[in-house]
Amino acid sequence: MHVGVLYSRIRKDEKLLLTELRDRGHDVTKIDVRKQRFDLTDAPEAFDDLDLVVDRCMATSRSLYATKFCEQYGVPVVNSADTAETCADKVENSLALAAAGVPTPRTETSFTTDAAMETIEEFGYPCVLKPVMGSWGRLMAKIDSKSAAEAILEHKATLGHYEHKVFYVQEFVDKPGRDVRVLAVDGEPIAAMARSGDHWLTNAAKGADTEAFELDDEAKELVELASDAVGGGLLGIDLMETGEAQRASESSSGQSPREEGDATDWSYTVHEVNHTVEFKALNGVVDVDVPAAVVDWLEAKADADATEADDAVAEVAD
């Protein structure tokens, strides 16, 4: 298998992935997107003879456009441009989850400070204001009072990029001091970890403590639903437990919380699906060899894509 890896900086995640690919004897071409010129029809030389491209761009804009060009050139890419576009924008993300019936925090989007203030007052304090684009918990604000809301909204409207004039307000979920990150491939979990800390944001990038997390049947079901909602692929799916899930995790019965109640009474909420997911922290706390599992999936995907291409050629020949 000849794999192209799109990147702008090689981090530990990319090193783990590159090492696993090379240890298995795969050819790897590292493609620094900062040095590429993307023609509308003809692929750059770096894309010659690639069986699969893996998008590991840090910058959202580069990820979105580079994956679109890969598809234009007919090169299979992980993740797809559609999945990247859905996951990169929090509004698109929330819309996709809601349309698929995936439980997600109550969210409203507005375009003026007055309308956003109405949402905040209706949601009550605290609530959360997020940028529509962004990762690692940056530029997120937990709003605890009307005066804080007024100040933050004014700053965003006056100083922010045009994207910050889209006000994405979400209810504050009183999670049990942690959230759950699941790494999944086409809805199948590879591994999961709980991220906990004293701060209301429990991202690993913010210094949260991490430990392995055992998914129950309900969480696995939600991971599959959330993955399907955004188009599948190699994804990081973030869950928050409600009180029901917390009680269930403390129970030794092994019974899924939803088996006891209404089918719509979920014990988790999905607040985000990530398309260029990092996995170094996860790999450090679980027994699973995460890079190996990812490459297993990449190999299977490349084989499936090759078979599909051969079938298409045979059909044309007939």
Protein backbone atom coordinates (compact mmCIF):
# COMPACT_ATOMS: atom_id res chain seq x y z
CA MET A 1 0.00 0.00 0.00
CA HIS A 2 1.26 3.44 -0.92
CA VAL A 3 -0.04 6.02 1.57
CA GLY A 4 0.19 9.77 1.35
CA VAL A 5 0.07 11.72 4.62
CA LEU A 6 -1.03 15.35 4.39
CA TYR A 7 0.57 17.48 7.09
CA SER A 8 1.84 20.89 8.00
CA ARG A 9 3.69 19.76 11.11
CA ILE A 10 4.74 16.31 12.23
CA ARG A 11 3.53 15.79 15.81
CA LYS A 12 3.73 12.71 18.00
CA ASP A 13 0.43 11.45 16.54
CA GLU A 14 1.84 11.54 13.01
CA LYS A 15 5.09 9.92 14.15
CA LEU A 16 3.16 7.02 15.68
CA LEU A 17 1.17 6.56 12.49
CA LEU A 18 4.19 6.85 10.17
CA THR A 19 6.19 4.36 12.26
CA GLU A 20 3.39 1.79 12.17
CA LEU A 21 2.92 2.15 8.41
CA ARG A 22 6.64 1.79 7.71
CA ASP A 23 7.07 -1.13 10.13
CA ARG A 24 4.48 -2.99 8.06
CA GLY A 25 6.39 -2.33 4.86
CA HIS A 26 4.04 0.23 3.37
CA ASP A 27 5.38 2.99 1.15
CA VAL A 28 4.74 6.40 2.68
CA THR A 29 4.87 9.80 1.03
CA LYS A 30 4.78 12.75 3.40
CA ILE A 31 3.02 15.68 1.72
CA ASP A 32 3.65 19.07 3.31
CA VAL A 33 0.60 21.03 2.16
CA ARG A 34 2.46 24.31 2.68
CA LYS A 35 4.67 23.45 -0.29
CA GLN A 36 2.00 22.17 -2.67
CA ARG A 37 0.26 23.93 -5.54
CA PHE A 38 -3.16 22.43 -6.19
CA ASP A 39 -4.28 22.62 -9.82
CA LEU A 40 -7.99 22.30 -10.59
CA THR A 41 -7.56 19.13 -12.65
CA ASP A 42 -3.98 17.82 -12.55
CA ALA A 43 -2.67 16.42 -9.28
CA PRO A 44 0.75 17.51 -7.95
CA GLU A 45 3.55 15.01 -8.49
CA ALA A 46 3.48 14.05 -4.80
CA PHE A 47 0.11 12.38 -5.39
CA ASP A 48 1.35 9.98 -8.09
CA ASP A 49 0.51 6.31 -7.52
CA LEU A 50 -1.06 6.80 -4.09
CA ASP A 51 -3.56 4.18 -2.93
CA LEU A 52 -4.84 6.31 -0.08
CA VAL A 53 -4.30 9.72 1.49
CA VAL A 54 -4.59 10.39 5.21
CA ASP A 55 -5.38 13.98 6.15
CA ARG A 56 -3.39 15.12 9.19
CA CYS A 57 -3.47 18.87 8.53
CA MET A 58 -3.59 20.96 11.69
CA ALA A 59 -5.20 24.00 10.06
CA THR A 60 -8.89 23.56 9.34
CA SER A 61 -8.78 25.56 6.12
CA ARG A 62 -5.96 23.43 4.71
CA SER A 63 -7.73 20.25 5.71
CA LEU A 64 -10.99 21.28 4.05
CA TYR A 65 -9.45 22.33 0.74
CA ALA A 66 -6.76 19.64 0.50
CA THR A 67 -9.32 16.85 0.93
CA LYS A 68 -11.53 18.41 -1.76
CA PHE A 69 -8.58 18.43 -4.16
CA CYS A 70 -7.80 14.78 -3.35
CA GLU A 71 -11.33 13.83 -4.32
CA GLN A 72 -11.10 15.97 -7.47
CA TYR A 73 -7.99 13.98 -8.45
CA GLY A 74 -9.74 10.67 -7.76
CA VAL A 75 -7.47 9.77 -4.82
CA PRO A 76 -9.26 8.13 -1.85
CA VAL A 77 -8.82 10.30 1.24
CA VAL A 78 -9.43 9.82 4.97
CA ASN A 79 -11.47 11.60 6.03
CA SER A 80 -13.70 12.59 3.15
CA ALA A 81 -14.16 16.26 2.30
CA ASP A 82 -17.84 16.04 3.30
CA THR A 83 -16.97 14.57 6.70
CA ALA A 84 -14.27 17.20 7.23
CA GLU A 85 -16.67 19.99 6.33
CA THR A 86 -19.36 18.70 8.67
CA CYS A 87 -17.03 18.19 11.61
CA ALA A 88 -14.99 21.38 11.21
CA ASP A 89 -17.98 23.68 11.68
CA LYS A 90 -19.78 23.35 15.01
CA VAL A 91 -23.08 24.50 13.50
CA GLU A 92 -22.83 21.85 10.75
CA ASN A 93 -21.79 19.32 13.38
CA SER A 94 -24.76 20.02 15.62
CA LEU A 95 -27.20 20.04 12.70
CA ALA A 96 -25.97 16.65 11.50
CA LEU A 97 -26.22 15.11 14.97
CA ALA A 98 -29.71 16.50 15.55
CA ALA A 99 -30.95 15.38 12.12
CA ALA A 100 -29.76 11.84 12.88
CA GLY A 101 -31.52 11.79 16.25
CA VAL A 102 -28.26 11.78 18.21
CA PRO A 103 -28.67 13.38 21.66
CA THR A 104 -26.68 16.59 21.75
CA PRO A 105 -26.78 19.62 24.08
CA ARG A 106 -29.46 22.20 23.41
CA THR A 107 -27.95 24.71 21.01
CA GLU A 108 -29.03 27.93 19.33
CA THR A 109 -27.23 30.01 16.73
CA SER A 110 -27.85 33.70 16.04
CA PHE A 111 -26.24 36.57 14.16
CA THR A 112 -26.65 39.58 16.41
CA THR A 113 -25.69 40.29 19.99
CA ASP A 114 -29.31 41.05 20.89
CA ALA A 115 -30.54 37.69 19.60
CA ALA A 116 -27.64 35.88 21.27
CA MET A 117 -28.44 37.62 24.54
CA GLU A 118 -32.04 36.39 24.34
CA THR A 119 -30.77 32.83 23.94
CA ILE A 120 -28.38 33.17 26.88
CA GLU A 121 -31.09 34.59 29.15
CA GLU A 122 -33.46 31.79 28.16
CA PHE A 123 -30.84 29.07 28.66
CA GLY A 124 -29.86 30.53 32.02
CA TYR A 125 -26.50 30.70 33.76
CA PRO A 126 -24.10 29.13 33.29
CA CYS A 127 -24.21 28.50 29.56
CA VAL A 128 -21.47 28.15 26.97
CA LEU A 129 -20.47 30.33 24.02
CA LYS A 130 -18.26 28.64 21.42
CA PRO A 131 -16.60 29.71 18.18
CA VAL A 132 -18.06 27.92 15.17
CA MET A 133 -14.52 26.96 14.12
CA GLY A 134 -11.83 25.88 16.54
CA SER A 135 -10.29 23.04 18.52
CA TRP A 136 -8.44 22.23 21.76
CA GLY A 137 -11.02 24.18 23.77
CA ARG A 138 -9.78 27.54 22.52
CA LEU A 139 -11.94 30.68 22.68
CA MET A 140 -14.73 28.90 24.53
CA ALA A 141 -16.45 30.81 27.31
CA LYS A 142 -18.52 29.60 30.22
CA ILE A 143 -20.89 32.49 30.91
CA ASP A 144 -21.94 32.84 34.53
CA SER A 145 -23.76 36.17 34.56
CA LYS A 146 -25.56 38.73 32.39
CA SER A 147 -22.74 41.24 32.74
CA ALA A 148 -20.21 38.66 31.56
CA ALA A 149 -22.44 37.76 28.62
CA GLU A 150 -22.78 41.38 27.56
CA ALA A 151 -19.03 41.95 27.72
CA ILE A 152 -18.10 38.78 25.82
CA LEU A 153 -20.70 39.37 23.11
CA GLU A 154 -19.52 42.95 22.63
CA HIS A 155 -15.90 41.87 22.32
CA LYS A 156 -16.75 39.15 19.78
CA ALA A 157 -18.91 41.49 17.70
CA THR A 158 -16.32 44.29 17.72
CA LEU A 159 -12.97 42.53 17.54
CA GLY A 160 -13.64 39.09 16.12
CA HIS A 161 -13.26 37.59 12.68
CA TYR A 162 -16.54 37.38 10.77
CA GLU A 163 -16.98 33.80 12.03
CA HIS A 164 -17.11 35.20 15.57
CA LYS A 165 -20.17 37.20 14.59
CA VAL A 166 -22.01 33.88 14.39
CA PHE A 167 -23.04 33.31 18.01
CA TYR A 168 -23.18 29.61 18.85
CA VAL A 169 -24.68 29.20 22.31
CA GLN A 170 -25.03 25.86 24.05
CA GLU A 171 -26.55 24.76 27.31
CA PHE A 172 -24.08 23.95 30.07
CA VAL A 173 -24.04 20.22 30.76
CA ASP A 174 -23.32 19.42 34.39
CA LYS A 175 -21.04 16.50 33.64
CA PRO A 176 -19.45 14.50 36.47
CA GLY A 177 -16.09 16.29 36.25
CA ARG A 178 -15.12 14.48 33.05
CA ASP A 179 -16.03 13.77 29.48
CA VAL A 180 -15.31 10.78 27.26
CA ARG A 181 -13.27 10.75 24.05
CA VAL A 182 -13.83 7.77 21.77
CA LEU A 183 -11.60 7.01 18.79
CA ALA A 184 -13.68 5.17 16.21
CA VAL A 185 -13.38 3.98 12.62
CA ASP A 186 -16.65 4.00 10.67
CA GLY A 187 -18.56 3.84 13.94
CA GLU A 188 -16.53 0.98 15.47
CA PRO A 189 -14.74 2.07 18.67
CA ILE A 190 -11.01 1.43 18.84
CA ALA A 191 -10.58 2.73 22.39
CA ALA A 192 -11.93 5.36 24.76
CA MET A 193 -10.64 7.49 27.59
CA ALA A 194 -12.15 9.69 30.27
CA ARG A 195 -10.71 13.20 30.54
CA SER A 196 -11.14 14.81 33.93
CA GLY A 197 -10.00 17.88 35.80
CA ASP A 198 -10.99 20.78 38.02
CA HIS A 199 -11.52 23.12 35.06
CA TRP A 200 -14.90 23.01 33.31
CA LEU A 201 -13.03 22.26 30.07
CA THR A 202 -11.58 18.75 30.23
CA ASN A 203 -9.68 18.62 26.93
CA ALA A 204 -6.40 16.72 27.05
CA ALA A 205 -4.86 19.78 25.35
CA LYS A 206 -5.90 21.78 28.42
CA GLY A 207 -4.01 19.43 30.73
CA ALA A 208 -6.86 17.16 31.80
CA ASP A 209 -6.08 13.86 33.52
CA THR A 210 -6.77 10.86 31.29
CA GLU A 211 -7.60 7.25 31.97
CA ALA A 212 -9.03 4.33 30.02
CA PHE A 213 -12.83 4.22 29.85
CA GLU A 214 -14.95 1.13 29.27
CA LEU A 215 -17.83 1.85 26.92
CA ASP A 216 -21.22 0.35 27.72
CA ASP A 217 -23.66 -0.77 25.03
CA GLU A 218 -25.43 2.57 24.95
CA ALA A 219 -22.22 4.51 24.43
CA LYS A 220 -21.23 2.16 21.60
CA GLU A 221 -24.61 2.68 19.98
CA LEU A 222 -24.20 6.45 20.18
CA VAL A 223 -20.71 6.29 18.70
CA GLU A 224 -22.07 4.42 15.69
CA LEU A 225 -24.97 6.85 15.27
CA ALA A 226 -22.74 9.91 15.58
CA SER A 227 -20.23 8.50 13.10
CA ASP A 228 -22.95 7.77 10.55
CA ALA A 229 -24.39 11.27 11.06
CA VAL A 230 -21.19 12.97 9.88
CA GLY A 231 -20.30 10.52 7.12
CA GLY A 232 -18.03 8.03 8.89
CA GLY A 233 -14.26 7.74 8.85
CA LEU A 234 -11.52 8.03 11.45
CA LEU A 235 -13.18 10.14 14.12
CA GLY A 236 -12.91 11.38 17.68
CA ILE A 237 -16.37 11.35 19.24
CA ASP A 238 -16.86 13.28 22.48
CA LEU A 239 -19.51 12.15 24.94
CA MET A 240 -20.66 13.66 28.20
CA GLU A 241 -22.37 11.56 30.83
CA THR A 242 -25.62 12.58 32.42
CA GLY A 243 -26.56 11.54 35.94
CA GLU A 244 -28.10 8.33 34.62
CA ALA A 245 -24.87 7.25 32.95
CA GLN A 246 -22.85 8.10 36.02
CA ARG A 247 -25.11 5.97 38.21
CA ALA A 248 -24.98 3.16 35.67
CA SER A 249 -21.18 3.19 35.63
CA GLU A 250 -21.21 2.73 39.38
CA SER A 251 -23.62 -0.20 39.14
CA SER A 252 -22.34 -3.78 38.99
CA SER A 253 -25.48 -5.06 37.27
CA GLY A 254 -24.02 -4.56 33.79
CA GLN A 255 -27.42 -3.47 32.53
CA SER A 256 -27.52 -0.60 30.04
CA PRO A 257 -29.46 2.39 31.44
CA ARG A 258 -31.72 2.55 28.39
CA GLU A 259 -32.85 -1.03 28.91
CA GLU A 260 -34.71 0.16 31.97
CA GLY A 261 -36.49 3.15 30.47
CA ASP A 262 -37.79 4.85 27.39
CA ALA A 263 -35.76 4.38 24.21
CA THR A 264 -35.28 8.13 23.90
CA ASP A 265 -34.00 8.57 27.43
CA TRP A 266 -30.28 8.58 26.64
CA SER A 267 -27.65 8.57 29.37
CA TYR A 268 -25.07 10.43 27.32
CA THR A 269 -24.99 13.47 25.11
CA VAL A 270 -22.67 13.88 22.12
CA HIS A 271 -21.28 17.38 22.02
CA GLU A 272 -18.80 17.06 19.17
CA VAL A 273 -17.30 14.84 16.48
CA ASN A 274 -13.70 15.56 15.41
CA HIS A 275 -12.29 14.68 11.98
CA THR A 276 -8.51 15.13 12.37
CA VAL A 277 -8.44 13.46 15.73
CA GLU A 278 -5.33 13.26 17.89
CA PHE A 279 -4.67 9.97 19.66
CA LYS A 280 -1.31 10.20 21.45
CA ALA A 281 -2.95 10.75 24.87
CA LEU A 282 -5.36 7.87 24.27
CA ASN A 283 -2.55 5.56 23.20
CA GLY A 284 -0.77 6.28 26.46
CA VAL A 285 -3.60 5.15 28.75
CA VAL A 286 -5.28 2.18 27.03
CA ASP A 287 -4.12 -1.38 26.47
CA VAL A 288 -4.98 -1.18 22.76
CA ASP A 289 -2.20 -0.40 20.28
CA VAL A 290 -4.02 2.57 18.78
CA PRO A 291 -1.75 3.26 15.77
CA ALA A 292 -1.86 -0.44 14.86
CA ALA A 293 -5.66 -0.46 15.00
CA VAL A 294 -5.81 2.66 12.82
CA VAL A 295 -3.49 1.11 10.24
CA ASP A 296 -5.53 -2.12 10.28
CA TRP A 297 -8.52 -0.01 9.24
CA LEU A 298 -6.54 1.93 6.63
CA GLU A 299 -5.39 -1.34 5.05
CA ALA A 300 -8.93 -2.66 4.93
CA LYS A 301 -10.17 0.60 3.45
CA ALA A 302 -7.48 0.63 0.75
CA ASP A 303 -8.35 -2.97 -0.18
CA ALA A 304 -12.05 -2.11 -0.38
CA ASP A 305 -11.36 0.97 -2.52
CA ALA A 306 -9.16 -1.07 -4.87
CA THR A 307 -11.81 -3.76 -5.23
CA GLU A 308 -14.46 -1.15 -5.94
CA ALA A 309 -12.25 0.45 -8.59
CA ASP A 310 -11.59 -2.93 -10.24
CA ASP A 311 -15.32 -3.72 -10.28
CA ALA A 312 -16.02 -0.34 -11.88
CA VAL A 313 -13.45 -0.99 -14.63
CA ALA A 314 -14.88 -4.46 -15.25
CA GLU A 315 -18.40 -3.06 -15.50
CA VAL A 316 -17.30 -0.50 -18.10
CA ALA A 317 -15.49 -3.22 -20.07
CA ASP A 318 -18.65 -5.34 -20.15
